[in-house]
Amino acid sequence: MESFNRAKARLVASAPDRPGEQCFAEPASFQPIVNRLRCEGRGDCVEVCPESVFEVRRMEDADFDALPFFARLHSRAHGRKTAYTPNADACAACGLCVVACPEDALTLVRIGPSPAAR
């Protein structure tokens, strides 16, 4: 099973276009969204997330069935693996996962009020 890789996290933290709040957002104010059309379950998100938000596992049948035909073929070629976010409430919006994902399958979406609205 994958686990946090401090060296890899430091490397992606230096990306100048890293989205999010540099790990200073209130937990549960952002949510990482996985694009299942793109995710190949490589686990880079698991390795760089300091909050253990992600896990990579076999794609659930309902998610697999919702994919278009060619995306299902692509998913099968990668063992039907994909990232899930069972601990999304712990996300501090570092953006490390977005930068580390080789498939560009992750985005961060604000789900709480913006800081200016508080």
PDB file of N, CA and C in Angstrom:
ATOM      1  N   MET A   1       0.840  -1.183   0.000  1.00  0.00           N
ATOM      2  CA  MET A   1       0.000   0.000   0.000  1.00  0.00           C
ATOM      3  C   MET A   1       0.884   1.246   0.000  1.00  0.00           C
ATOM      4  N   GLU A   2       0.454   2.272  -0.708  1.00  0.00           N
ATOM      5  CA  GLU A   2       1.210   3.509  -0.772  1.00  0.00           C
ATOM      6  C   GLU A   2       1.136   4.232   0.564  1.00  0.00           C
ATOM      7  N   SER A   3       2.130   5.090   0.805  1.00  0.00           N
ATOM      8  CA  SER A   3       2.105   5.903   2.010  1.00  0.00           C
ATOM      9  C   SER A   3       2.772   7.234   1.715  1.00  0.00           C
ATOM     10  N   PHE A   4       2.712   8.138   2.669  1.00  0.00           N
ATOM     11  CA  PHE A   4       3.238   9.482   2.495  1.00  0.00           C
ATOM     12  C   PHE A   4       4.724   9.446   2.169  1.00  0.00           C
ATOM     13  N   ASN A   5       5.104  10.192   1.138  1.00  0.00           N
ATOM     14  CA  ASN A   5       6.484  10.271   0.691  1.00  0.00           C
ATOM     15  C   ASN A   5       6.930  11.729   0.842  1.00  0.00           C
ATOM     16  N   ARG A   6       7.632  12.020   1.924  1.00  0.00           N
ATOM     17  CA  ARG A   6       8.023  13.389   2.255  1.00  0.00           C
ATOM     18  C   ARG A   6       8.869  14.031   1.153  1.00  0.00           C
ATOM     19  N   ALA A   7       9.798  13.300   0.569  1.00  0.00           N
ATOM     20  CA  ALA A   7      10.657  13.860  -0.478  1.00  0.00           C
ATOM     21  C   ALA A   7       9.839  14.243  -1.711  1.00  0.00           C
ATOM     22  N   LYS A   8       8.912  13.395  -2.095  1.00  0.00           N
ATOM     23  CA  LYS A   8       8.068  13.689  -3.255  1.00  0.00           C
ATOM     24  C   LYS A   8       7.159  14.885  -2.963  1.00  0.00           C
ATOM     25  N   ALA A   9       6.636  14.963  -1.750  1.00  0.00           N
ATOM     26  CA  ALA A   9       5.780  16.088  -1.367  1.00  0.00           C
ATOM     27  C   ALA A   9       6.558  17.398  -1.424  1.00  0.00           C
ATOM     28  N   ARG A  10       7.797  17.397  -0.967  1.00  0.00           N
ATOM     29  CA  ARG A  10       8.624  18.610  -1.035  1.00  0.00           C
ATOM     30  C   ARG A  10       8.878  19.027  -2.475  1.00  0.00           C
ATOM     31  N   LEU A  11       9.101  18.051  -3.327  1.00  0.00           N
ATOM     32  CA  LEU A  11       9.359  18.338  -4.737  1.00  0.00           C
ATOM     33  C   LEU A  11       8.154  19.011  -5.391  1.00  0.00           C
ATOM     34  N   VAL A  12       6.963  18.455  -5.200  1.00  0.00           N
ATOM     35  CA  VAL A  12       5.783  19.046  -5.839  1.00  0.00           C
ATOM     36  C   VAL A  12       5.366  20.347  -5.159  1.00  0.00           C
ATOM     37  N   ALA A  13       5.758  20.553  -3.914  1.00  0.00           N
ATOM     38  CA  ALA A  13       5.416  21.797  -3.218  1.00  0.00           C
ATOM     39  C   ALA A  13       6.083  23.003  -3.859  1.00  0.00           C
ATOM     40  N   SER A  14       7.151  22.786  -4.598  1.00  0.00           N
ATOM     41  CA  SER A  14       7.860  23.897  -5.230  1.00  0.00           C
ATOM     42  C   SER A  14       7.238  24.318  -6.557  1.00  0.00           C
ATOM     43  N   ALA A  15       6.183  23.651  -6.996  1.00  0.00           N
ATOM     44  CA  ALA A  15       5.533  24.004  -8.263  1.00  0.00           C
ATOM     45  C   ALA A  15       4.940  25.409  -8.170  1.00  0.00           C
ATOM     46  N   PRO A  16       5.309  26.296  -9.084  1.00  0.00           N
ATOM     47  CA  PRO A  16       4.834  27.678  -8.996  1.00  0.00           C
ATOM     48  C   PRO A  16       3.331  27.839  -9.246  1.00  0.00           C
ATOM     49  N   ASP A  17       2.722  26.897  -9.928  1.00  0.00           N
ATOM     50  CA  ASP A  17       1.298  27.004 -10.253  1.00  0.00           C
ATOM     51  C   ASP A  17       0.425  26.120  -9.368  1.00  0.00           C
ATOM     52  N   ARG A  18       0.918  25.772  -8.188  1.00  0.00           N
ATOM     53  CA  ARG A  18       0.176  24.906  -7.281  1.00  0.00           C
ATOM     54  C   ARG A  18      -1.103  25.600  -6.827  1.00  0.00           C
ATOM     55  N   PRO A  19      -2.254  24.944  -7.020  1.00  0.00           N
ATOM     56  CA  PRO A  19      -3.518  25.550  -6.594  1.00  0.00           C
ATOM     57  C   PRO A  19      -3.746  25.381  -5.101  1.00  0.00           C
ATOM     58  N   GLY A  20      -4.818  25.950  -4.617  1.00  0.00           N
ATOM     59  CA  GLY A  20      -5.206  25.757  -3.225  1.00  0.00           C
ATOM     60  C   GLY A  20      -4.736  26.865  -2.319  1.00  0.00           C
ATOM     61  N   GLU A  21      -4.598  26.529  -1.051  1.00  0.00           N
ATOM     62  CA  GLU A  21      -4.296  27.501  -0.013  1.00  0.00           C
ATOM     63  C   GLU A  21      -2.979  27.202   0.689  1.00  0.00           C
ATOM     64  N   GLN A  22      -2.051  26.520   0.005  1.00  0.00           N
ATOM     65  CA  GLN A  22      -0.734  26.228   0.579  1.00  0.00           C
ATOM     66  C   GLN A  22      -0.839  25.510   1.926  1.00  0.00           C
ATOM     67  N   CYS A  23      -1.826  24.671   2.083  1.00  0.00           N
ATOM     68  CA  CYS A  23      -2.046  23.850   3.285  1.00  0.00           C
ATOM     69  C   CYS A  23      -2.574  24.635   4.484  1.00  0.00           C
ATOM     70  N   PHE A  24      -3.085  25.830   4.251  1.00  0.00           N
ATOM     71  CA  PHE A  24      -3.577  26.637   5.356  1.00  0.00           C
ATOM     72  C   PHE A  24      -5.092  26.811   5.364  1.00  0.00           C
ATOM     73  N   ALA A  25      -5.800  26.095   4.515  1.00  0.00           N
ATOM     74  CA  ALA A  25      -7.260  26.214   4.488  1.00  0.00           C
ATOM     75  C   ALA A  25      -7.853  25.469   5.676  1.00  0.00           C
ATOM     76  N   GLU A  26      -8.995  25.926   6.113  1.00  0.00           N
ATOM     77  CA  GLU A  26      -9.726  25.203   7.153  1.00  0.00           C
ATOM     78  C   GLU A  26     -10.122  23.834   6.593  1.00  0.00           C
ATOM     79  N   PRO A  27      -9.978  22.777   7.384  1.00  0.00           N
ATOM     80  CA  PRO A  27     -10.424  21.472   6.909  1.00  0.00           C
ATOM     81  C   PRO A  27     -11.885  21.523   6.469  1.00  0.00           C
ATOM     82  N   ALA A  28     -12.181  20.828   5.399  1.00  0.00           N
ATOM     83  CA  ALA A  28     -13.518  20.712   4.821  1.00  0.00           C
ATOM     84  C   ALA A  28     -13.983  21.976   4.098  1.00  0.00           C
ATOM     85  N   SER A  29     -13.092  22.941   3.868  1.00  0.00           N
ATOM     86  CA  SER A  29     -13.490  24.108   3.084  1.00  0.00           C
ATOM     87  C   SER A  29     -13.187  23.910   1.599  1.00  0.00           C
ATOM     88  N   PHE A  30     -12.376  22.906   1.295  1.00  0.00           N
ATOM     89  CA  PHE A  30     -12.095  22.506  -0.074  1.00  0.00           C
ATOM     90  C   PHE A  30     -12.333  21.008  -0.194  1.00  0.00           C
ATOM     91  N   GLN A  31     -12.628  20.574  -1.395  1.00  0.00           N
ATOM     92  CA  GLN A  31     -12.785  19.148  -1.640  1.00  0.00           C
ATOM     93  C   GLN A  31     -12.003  18.773  -2.892  1.00  0.00           C
ATOM     94  N   PRO A  32     -11.161  17.737  -2.797  1.00  0.00           N
ATOM     95  CA  PRO A  32     -10.489  17.258  -3.995  1.00  0.00           C
ATOM     96  C   PRO A  32     -11.481  16.432  -4.827  1.00  0.00           C
ATOM     97  N   ILE A  33     -11.525  16.715  -6.127  1.00  0.00           N
ATOM     98  CA  ILE A  33     -12.424  16.013  -7.038  1.00  0.00           C
ATOM     99  C   ILE A  33     -11.589  15.151  -7.974  1.00  0.00           C
ATOM    100  N   VAL A  34     -11.926  13.872  -8.078  1.00  0.00           N
ATOM    101  CA  VAL A  34     -11.220  12.931  -8.944  1.00  0.00           C
ATOM    102  C   VAL A  34     -12.005  12.777 -10.245  1.00  0.00           C
ATOM    103  N   ASN A  35     -11.349  13.031 -11.360  1.00  0.00           N
ATOM    104  CA  ASN A  35     -11.938  12.809 -12.675  1.00  0.00           C
ATOM    105  C   ASN A  35     -11.682  11.353 -13.052  1.00  0.00           C
ATOM    106  N   ARG A  36     -12.694  10.519 -12.950  1.00  0.00           N
ATOM    107  CA  ARG A  36     -12.535   9.085 -13.208  1.00  0.00           C
ATOM    108  C   ARG A  36     -12.264   8.777 -14.678  1.00  0.00           C
ATOM    109  N   LEU A  37     -12.522   9.721 -15.564  1.00  0.00           N
ATOM    110  CA  LEU A  37     -12.183   9.523 -16.976  1.00  0.00           C
ATOM    111  C   LEU A  37     -10.674   9.539 -17.177  1.00  0.00           C
ATOM    112  N   ARG A  38      -9.957  10.193 -16.270  1.00  0.00           N
ATOM    113  CA  ARG A  38      -8.512  10.359 -16.412  1.00  0.00           C
ATOM    114  C   ARG A  38      -7.691   9.530 -15.424  1.00  0.00           C
ATOM    115  N   CYS A  39      -8.203   9.331 -14.220  1.00  0.00           N
ATOM    116  CA  CYS A  39      -7.431   8.691 -13.152  1.00  0.00           C
ATOM    117  C   CYS A  39      -7.075   7.249 -13.505  1.00  0.00           C
ATOM    118  N   GLU A  40      -5.790   6.930 -13.363  1.00  0.00           N
ATOM    119  CA  GLU A  40      -5.301   5.568 -13.607  1.00  0.00           C
ATOM    120  C   GLU A  40      -4.886   4.874 -12.315  1.00  0.00           C
ATOM    121  N   GLY A  41      -5.125   5.511 -11.192  1.00  0.00           N
ATOM    122  CA  GLY A  41      -4.833   4.894  -9.902  1.00  0.00           C
ATOM    123  C   GLY A  41      -3.358   4.696  -9.625  1.00  0.00           C
ATOM    124  N   ARG A  42      -2.520   5.605 -10.072  1.00  0.00           N
ATOM    125  CA  ARG A  42      -1.073   5.458  -9.874  1.00  0.00           C
ATOM    126  C   ARG A  42      -0.639   5.723  -8.442  1.00  0.00           C
ATOM    127  N   GLY A  43      -1.421   6.482  -7.689  1.00  0.00           N
ATOM    128  CA  GLY A  43      -1.153   6.664  -6.275  1.00  0.00           C
ATOM    129  C   GLY A  43      -0.268   7.836  -5.912  1.00  0.00           C
ATOM    130  N   ASP A  44       0.081   8.694  -6.865  1.00  0.00           N
ATOM    131  CA  ASP A  44       0.903   9.861  -6.524  1.00  0.00           C
ATOM    132  C   ASP A  44       0.193  10.752  -5.507  1.00  0.00           C
ATOM    133  N   CYS A  45      -1.128  10.851  -5.612  1.00  0.00           N
ATOM    134  CA  CYS A  45      -1.903  11.658  -4.663  1.00  0.00           C
ATOM    135  C   CYS A  45      -1.751  11.126  -3.245  1.00  0.00           C
ATOM    136  N   VAL A  46      -1.754   9.824  -3.095  1.00  0.00           N
ATOM    137  CA  VAL A  46      -1.590   9.205  -1.775  1.00  0.00           C
ATOM    138  C   VAL A  46      -0.215   9.534  -1.206  1.00  0.00           C
ATOM    139  N   GLU A  47       0.788   9.493  -2.072  1.00  0.00           N
ATOM    140  CA  GLU A  47       2.167   9.703  -1.622  1.00  0.00           C
ATOM    141  C   GLU A  47       2.449  11.126  -1.160  1.00  0.00           C
ATOM    142  N   VAL A  48       1.754  12.127  -1.716  1.00  0.00           N
ATOM    143  CA  VAL A  48       2.077  13.515  -1.375  1.00  0.00           C
ATOM    144  C   VAL A  48       1.095  14.162  -0.411  1.00  0.00           C
ATOM    145  N   CYS A  49      -0.029  13.538  -0.139  1.00  0.00           N
ATOM    146  CA  CYS A  49      -1.042  14.160   0.712  1.00  0.00           C
ATOM    147  C   CYS A  49      -0.670  14.035   2.194  1.00  0.00           C
ATOM    148  N   PRO A  50      -0.396  15.162   2.855  1.00  0.00           N
ATOM    149  CA  PRO A  50      -0.030  15.094   4.272  1.00  0.00           C
ATOM    150  C   PRO A  50      -1.219  14.813   5.186  1.00  0.00           C
ATOM    151  N   GLU A  51      -2.426  14.896   4.657  1.00  0.00           N
ATOM    152  CA  GLU A  51      -3.627  14.689   5.468  1.00  0.00           C
ATOM    153  C   GLU A  51      -4.264  13.317   5.253  1.00  0.00           C
ATOM    154  N   SER A  52      -3.654  12.457   4.453  1.00  0.00           N
ATOM    155  CA  SER A  52      -4.170  11.103   4.171  1.00  0.00           C
ATOM    156  C   SER A  52      -5.602  11.125   3.646  1.00  0.00           C
ATOM    157  N   VAL A  53      -5.861  12.033   2.731  1.00  0.00           N
ATOM    158  CA  VAL A  53      -7.195  12.189   2.151  1.00  0.00           C
ATOM    159  C   VAL A  53      -7.516  11.059   1.176  1.00  0.00           C
ATOM    160  N   PHE A  54      -6.506  10.555   0.468  1.00  0.00           N
ATOM    161  CA  PHE A  54      -6.721   9.632  -0.654  1.00  0.00           C
ATOM    162  C   PHE A  54      -6.443   8.175  -0.315  1.00  0.00           C
ATOM    163  N   GLU A  55      -7.091   7.324  -1.096  1.00  0.00           N
ATOM    164  CA  GLU A  55      -6.732   5.915  -1.160  1.00  0.00           C
ATOM    165  C   GLU A  55      -6.961   5.482  -2.605  1.00  0.00           C
ATOM    166  N   VAL A  56      -6.141   4.547  -3.058  1.00  0.00           N
ATOM    167  CA  VAL A  56      -6.304   3.994  -4.399  1.00  0.00           C
ATOM    168  C   VAL A  56      -6.814   2.580  -4.240  1.00  0.00           C
ATOM    169  N   ARG A  57      -7.895   2.297  -4.962  1.00  0.00           N
ATOM    170  CA  ARG A  57      -8.485   0.964  -4.889  1.00  0.00           C
ATOM    171  C   ARG A  57      -9.233   0.662  -6.185  1.00  0.00           C
ATOM    172  N   ARG A  58      -9.770  -0.517  -6.245  1.00  0.00           N
ATOM    173  CA  ARG A  58     -10.537  -0.921  -7.416  1.00  0.00           C
ATOM    174  C   ARG A  58     -11.779  -0.034  -7.527  1.00  0.00           C
ATOM    175  N   MET A  59     -12.045   0.415  -8.747  1.00  0.00           N
ATOM    176  CA  MET A  59     -13.178   1.296  -8.983  1.00  0.00           C
ATOM    177  C   MET A  59     -14.483   0.586  -8.663  1.00  0.00           C
ATOM    178  N   GLU A  60     -15.346   1.284  -7.944  1.00  0.00           N
ATOM    179  CA  GLU A  60     -16.648   0.724  -7.610  1.00  0.00           C
ATOM    180  C   GLU A  60     -17.460   0.511  -8.886  1.00  0.00           C
ATOM    181  N   ASP A  61     -18.298  -0.534  -8.874  1.00  0.00           N
ATOM    182  CA  ASP A  61     -19.064  -0.894 -10.064  1.00  0.00           C
ATOM    183  C   ASP A  61     -19.913   0.265 -10.591  1.00  0.00           C
ATOM    184  N   ALA A  62     -20.545   1.010  -9.713  1.00  0.00           N
ATOM    185  CA  ALA A  62     -21.395   2.128 -10.152  1.00  0.00           C
ATOM    186  C   ALA A  62     -20.566   3.195 -10.865  1.00  0.00           C
ATOM    187  N   ASP A  63     -19.377   3.488 -10.354  1.00  0.00           N
ATOM    188  CA  ASP A  63     -18.505   4.472 -11.003  1.00  0.00           C
ATOM    189  C   ASP A  63     -18.009   3.945 -12.346  1.00  0.00           C
ATOM    190  N   PHE A  64     -17.656   2.661 -12.385  1.00  0.00           N
ATOM    191  CA  PHE A  64     -17.191   2.044 -13.628  1.00  0.00           C
ATOM    192  C   PHE A  64     -18.299   2.052 -14.675  1.00  0.00           C
ATOM    193  N   ASP A  65     -19.494   1.672 -14.277  1.00  0.00           N
ATOM    194  CA  ASP A  65     -20.624   1.625 -15.211  1.00  0.00           C
ATOM    195  C   ASP A  65     -20.997   2.999 -15.757  1.00  0.00           C
ATOM    196  N   ALA A  66     -20.683   4.058 -15.012  1.00  0.00           N
ATOM    197  CA  ALA A  66     -21.006   5.419 -15.448  1.00  0.00           C
ATOM    198  C   ALA A  66     -20.023   5.947 -16.498  1.00  0.00           C
ATOM    199  N   LEU A  67     -18.903   5.265 -16.679  1.00  0.00           N
ATOM    200  CA  LEU A  67     -17.906   5.705 -17.654  1.00  0.00           C
ATOM    201  C   LEU A  67     -18.356   5.396 -19.076  1.00  0.00           C
ATOM    202  N   PRO A  68     -17.957   6.237 -20.038  1.00  0.00           N
ATOM    203  CA  PRO A  68     -18.204   5.913 -21.443  1.00  0.00           C
ATOM    204  C   PRO A  68     -17.423   4.654 -21.841  1.00  0.00           C
ATOM    205  N   PHE A  69     -17.792   4.064 -22.953  1.00  0.00           N
ATOM    206  CA  PHE A  69     -17.220   2.795 -23.397  1.00  0.00           C
ATOM    207  C   PHE A  69     -15.694   2.803 -23.424  1.00  0.00           C
ATOM    208  N   PHE A  70     -15.082   3.774 -24.111  1.00  0.00           N
ATOM    209  CA  PHE A  70     -13.629   3.789 -24.234  1.00  0.00           C
ATOM    210  C   PHE A  70     -12.945   4.058 -22.893  1.00  0.00           C
ATOM    211  N   ALA A  71     -13.567   4.813 -22.037  1.00  0.00           N
ATOM    212  CA  ALA A  71     -13.013   5.046 -20.700  1.00  0.00           C
ATOM    213  C   ALA A  71     -13.048   3.750 -19.878  1.00  0.00           C
ATOM    214  N   ARG A  72     -14.084   2.934 -20.073  1.00  0.00           N
ATOM    215  CA  ARG A  72     -14.124   1.623 -19.381  1.00  0.00           C
ATOM    216  C   ARG A  72     -12.985   0.731 -19.869  1.00  0.00           C
ATOM    217  N   LEU A  73     -12.709   0.752 -21.168  1.00  0.00           N
ATOM    218  CA  LEU A  73     -11.579  -0.023 -21.702  1.00  0.00           C
ATOM    219  C   LEU A  73     -10.262   0.464 -21.089  1.00  0.00           C
ATOM    220  N   HIS A  74     -10.104   1.771 -21.044  1.00  0.00           N
ATOM    221  CA  HIS A  74      -8.907   2.363 -20.461  1.00  0.00           C
ATOM    222  C   HIS A  74      -8.775   1.973 -18.989  1.00  0.00           C
ATOM    223  N   SER A  75      -9.867   2.024 -18.258  1.00  0.00           N
ATOM    224  CA  SER A  75      -9.857   1.656 -16.852  1.00  0.00           C
ATOM    225  C   SER A  75      -9.470   0.189 -16.666  1.00  0.00           C
ATOM    226  N   ARG A  76     -10.005  -0.671 -17.506  1.00  0.00           N
ATOM    227  CA  ARG A  76      -9.642  -2.103 -17.424  1.00  0.00           C
ATOM    228  C   ARG A  76      -8.156  -2.306 -17.651  1.00  0.00           C
ATOM    229  N   ALA A  77      -7.584  -1.550 -18.593  1.00  0.00           N
ATOM    230  CA  ALA A  77      -6.153  -1.679 -18.888  1.00  0.00           C
ATOM    231  C   ALA A  77      -5.304  -1.318 -17.672  1.00  0.00           C
ATOM    232  N   HIS A  78      -5.847  -0.514 -16.775  1.00  0.00           N
ATOM    233  CA  HIS A  78      -5.126  -0.102 -15.570  1.00  0.00           C
ATOM    234  C   HIS A  78      -5.659  -0.804 -14.316  1.00  0.00           C
ATOM    235  N   GLY A  79      -6.284  -1.939 -14.512  1.00  0.00           N
ATOM    236  CA  GLY A  79      -6.751  -2.745 -13.382  1.00  0.00           C
ATOM    237  C   GLY A  79      -7.943  -2.167 -12.650  1.00  0.00           C
ATOM    238  N   ARG A  80      -8.683  -1.271 -13.305  1.00  0.00           N
ATOM    239  CA  ARG A  80      -9.847  -0.606 -12.708  1.00  0.00           C
ATOM    240  C   ARG A  80      -9.494   0.124 -11.421  1.00  0.00           C
ATOM    241  N   LYS A  81      -8.252   0.559 -11.310  1.00  0.00           N
ATOM    242  CA  LYS A  81      -7.834   1.317 -10.127  1.00  0.00           C
ATOM    243  C   LYS A  81      -8.183   2.784 -10.312  1.00  0.00           C
ATOM    244  N   THR A  82      -8.521   3.412  -9.208  1.00  0.00           N
ATOM    245  CA  THR A  82      -8.781   4.847  -9.193  1.00  0.00           C
ATOM    246  C   THR A  82      -8.583   5.364  -7.781  1.00  0.00           C
ATOM    247  N   ALA A  83      -8.451   6.667  -7.678  1.00  0.00           N
ATOM    248  CA  ALA A  83      -8.325   7.302  -6.360  1.00  0.00           C
ATOM    249  C   ALA A  83      -9.710   7.626  -5.824  1.00  0.00           C
ATOM    250  N   TYR A  84      -9.859   7.430  -4.532  1.00  0.00           N
ATOM    251  CA  TYR A  84     -11.057   7.847  -3.805  1.00  0.00           C
ATOM    252  C   TYR A  84     -10.612   8.744  -2.665  1.00  0.00           C
ATOM    253  N   THR A  85     -11.549   9.513  -2.136  1.00  0.00           N
ATOM    254  CA  THR A  85     -11.226  10.483  -1.080  1.00  0.00           C
ATOM    255  C   THR A  85     -12.038  10.219   0.189  1.00  0.00           C
ATOM    256  N   PRO A  86     -11.749   9.106   0.872  1.00  0.00           N
ATOM    257  CA  PRO A  86     -12.535   8.790   2.070  1.00  0.00           C
ATOM    258  C   PRO A  86     -12.339   9.782   3.212  1.00  0.00           C
ATOM    259  N   ASN A  87     -11.249  10.529   3.183  1.00  0.00           N
ATOM    260  CA  ASN A  87     -10.970  11.501   4.247  1.00  0.00           C
ATOM    261  C   ASN A  87     -10.990  12.929   3.693  1.00  0.00           C
ATOM    262  N   ALA A  88     -11.889  13.206   2.753  1.00  0.00           N
ATOM    263  CA  ALA A  88     -11.947  14.521   2.109  1.00  0.00           C
ATOM    264  C   ALA A  88     -12.149  15.650   3.118  1.00  0.00           C
ATOM    265  N   ASP A  89     -12.800  15.385   4.228  1.00  0.00           N
ATOM    266  CA  ASP A  89     -13.025  16.422   5.238  1.00  0.00           C
ATOM    267  C   ASP A  89     -11.727  16.932   5.864  1.00  0.00           C
ATOM    268  N   ALA A  90     -10.654  16.169   5.724  1.00  0.00           N
ATOM    269  CA  ALA A  90      -9.368  16.570   6.293  1.00  0.00           C
ATOM    270  C   ALA A  90      -8.551  17.434   5.325  1.00  0.00           C
ATOM    271  N   CYS A  91      -9.007  17.607   4.099  1.00  0.00           N
ATOM    272  CA  CYS A  91      -8.253  18.352   3.081  1.00  0.00           C
ATOM    273  C   CYS A  91      -7.996  19.787   3.528  1.00  0.00           C
ATOM    274  N   ALA A  92      -6.712  20.176   3.516  1.00  0.00           N
ATOM    275  CA  ALA A  92      -6.322  21.538   3.874  1.00  0.00           C
ATOM    276  C   ALA A  92      -5.941  22.353   2.636  1.00  0.00           C
ATOM    277  N   ALA A  93      -6.284  21.846   1.457  1.00  0.00           N
ATOM    278  CA  ALA A  93      -6.094  22.547   0.177  1.00  0.00           C
ATOM    279  C   ALA A  93      -4.645  22.896  -0.113  1.00  0.00           C
ATOM    280  N   CYS A  94      -3.734  21.959   0.117  1.00  0.00           N
ATOM    281  CA  CYS A  94      -2.329  22.210  -0.225  1.00  0.00           C
ATOM    282  C   CYS A  94      -2.132  22.323  -1.723  1.00  0.00           C
ATOM    283  N   GLY A  95      -2.907  21.518  -2.476  1.00  0.00           N
ATOM    284  CA  GLY A  95      -2.726  21.460  -3.911  1.00  0.00           C
ATOM    285  C   GLY A  95      -1.624  20.509  -4.332  1.00  0.00           C
ATOM    286  N   LEU A  96      -0.980  19.843  -3.387  1.00  0.00           N
ATOM    287  CA  LEU A  96       0.091  18.912  -3.727  1.00  0.00           C
ATOM    288  C   LEU A  96      -0.410  17.774  -4.605  1.00  0.00           C
ATOM    289  N   CYS A  97      -1.602  17.292  -4.317  1.00  0.00           N
ATOM    290  CA  CYS A  97      -2.170  16.195  -5.102  1.00  0.00           C
ATOM    291  C   CYS A  97      -2.398  16.608  -6.553  1.00  0.00           C
ATOM    292  N   VAL A  98      -2.877  17.826  -6.749  1.00  0.00           N
ATOM    293  CA  VAL A  98      -3.156  18.322  -8.101  1.00  0.00           C
ATOM    294  C   VAL A  98      -1.876  18.375  -8.917  1.00  0.00           C
ATOM    295  N   VAL A  99      -0.809  18.880  -8.317  1.00  0.00           N
ATOM    296  CA  VAL A  99       0.472  18.999  -9.007  1.00  0.00           C
ATOM    297  C   VAL A  99       1.093  17.623  -9.251  1.00  0.00           C
ATOM    298  N   ALA A 100       0.961  16.716  -8.304  1.00  0.00           N
ATOM    299  CA  ALA A 100       1.606  15.408  -8.404  1.00  0.00           C
ATOM    300  C   ALA A 100       0.917  14.462  -9.374  1.00  0.00           C
ATOM    301  N   CYS A 101      -0.366  14.640  -9.628  1.00  0.00           N
ATOM    302  CA  CYS A 101      -1.116  13.694 -10.454  1.00  0.00           C
ATOM    303  C   CYS A 101      -0.620  13.702 -11.898  1.00  0.00           C
ATOM    304  N   PRO A 102      -0.074  12.591 -12.381  1.00  0.00           N
ATOM    305  CA  PRO A 102       0.454  12.564 -13.740  1.00  0.00           C
ATOM    306  C   PRO A 102      -0.631  12.567 -14.822  1.00  0.00           C
ATOM    307  N   GLU A 103      -1.857  12.290 -14.437  1.00  0.00           N
ATOM    308  CA  GLU A 103      -2.957  12.270 -15.414  1.00  0.00           C
ATOM    309  C   GLU A 103      -3.784  13.552 -15.399  1.00  0.00           C
ATOM    310  N   ASP A 104      -3.421  14.525 -14.574  1.00  0.00           N
ATOM    311  CA  ASP A 104      -4.216  15.745 -14.403  1.00  0.00           C
ATOM    312  C   ASP A 104      -5.672  15.399 -14.098  1.00  0.00           C
ATOM    313  N   ALA A 105      -5.857  14.461 -13.178  1.00  0.00           N
ATOM    314  CA  ALA A 105      -7.194  13.968 -12.855  1.00  0.00           C
ATOM    315  C   ALA A 105      -7.771  14.585 -11.584  1.00  0.00           C
ATOM    316  N   LEU A 106      -7.060  15.513 -10.963  1.00  0.00           N
ATOM    317  CA  LEU A 106      -7.519  16.078  -9.696  1.00  0.00           C
ATOM    318  C   LEU A 106      -7.697  17.585  -9.779  1.00  0.00           C
ATOM    319  N   THR A 107      -8.745  18.064  -9.133  1.00  0.00           N
ATOM    320  CA  THR A 107      -8.965  19.497  -8.968  1.00  0.00           C
ATOM    321  C   THR A 107      -9.398  19.741  -7.524  1.00  0.00           C
ATOM    322  N   LEU A 108      -9.187  20.955  -7.058  1.00  0.00           N
ATOM    323  CA  LEU A 108      -9.656  21.363  -5.745  1.00  0.00           C
ATOM    324  C   LEU A 108     -10.822  22.316  -5.935  1.00  0.00           C
ATOM    325  N   VAL A 109     -11.901  22.054  -5.216  1.00  0.00           N
ATOM    326  CA  VAL A 109     -13.095  22.880  -5.315  1.00  0.00           C
ATOM    327  C   VAL A 109     -13.429  23.412  -3.931  1.00  0.00           C
ATOM    328  N   ARG A 110     -13.619  24.734  -3.849  1.00  0.00           N
ATOM    329  CA  ARG A 110     -14.002  25.337  -2.565  1.00  0.00           C
ATOM    330  C   ARG A 110     -15.451  24.948  -2.273  1.00  0.00           C
ATOM    331  N   ILE A 111     -15.705  24.431  -1.073  1.00  0.00           N
ATOM    332  CA  ILE A 111     -17.062  24.053  -0.707  1.00  0.00           C
ATOM    333  C   ILE A 111     -17.606  24.900   0.426  1.00  0.00           C
ATOM    334  N   GLY A 112     -16.745  25.656   1.062  1.00  0.00           N
ATOM    335  CA  GLY A 112     -17.178  26.555   2.122  1.00  0.00           C
ATOM    336  C   GLY A 112     -17.173  27.982   1.606  1.00  0.00           C
ATOM    337  N   PRO A 113     -17.547  28.910   2.443  1.00  0.00           N
ATOM    338  CA  PRO A 113     -17.515  30.313   2.025  1.00  0.00           C
ATOM    339  C   PRO A 113     -16.072  30.771   1.805  1.00  0.00           C
ATOM    340  N   SER A 114     -15.873  31.689   0.884  1.00  0.00           N
ATOM    341  CA  SER A 114     -14.533  32.211   0.630  1.00  0.00           C
ATOM    342  C   SER A 114     -14.099  33.040   1.834  1.00  0.00           C
ATOM    343  N   PRO A 115     -12.775  33.195   2.029  1.00  0.00           N
ATOM    344  CA  PRO A 115     -12.289  33.966   3.178  1.00  0.00           C
ATOM    345  C   PRO A 115     -12.832  35.401   3.187  1.00  0.00           C
ATOM    346  N   ALA A 116     -13.050  35.995   2.026  1.00  0.00           N
ATOM    347  CA  ALA A 116     -13.559  37.366   1.954  1.00  0.00           C
ATOM    348  C   ALA A 116     -15.006  37.450   2.451  1.00  0.00           C
ATOM    349  N   ALA A 117     -15.742  36.327   2.386  1.00  0.00           N
ATOM    350  CA  ALA A 117     -17.145  36.311   2.797  1.00  0.00           C
ATOM    351  C   ALA A 117     -17.306  36.159   4.306  1.00  0.00           C
ATOM    352  N   ARG A 118     -16.229  35.860   5.005  1.00  0.00           N
ATOM    353  CA  ARG A 118     -16.310  35.622   6.455  1.00  0.00           C
ATOM    354  C   ARG A 118     -16.280  36.892   7.245  1.00  0.00           C
TER     355      ARG A 118
END
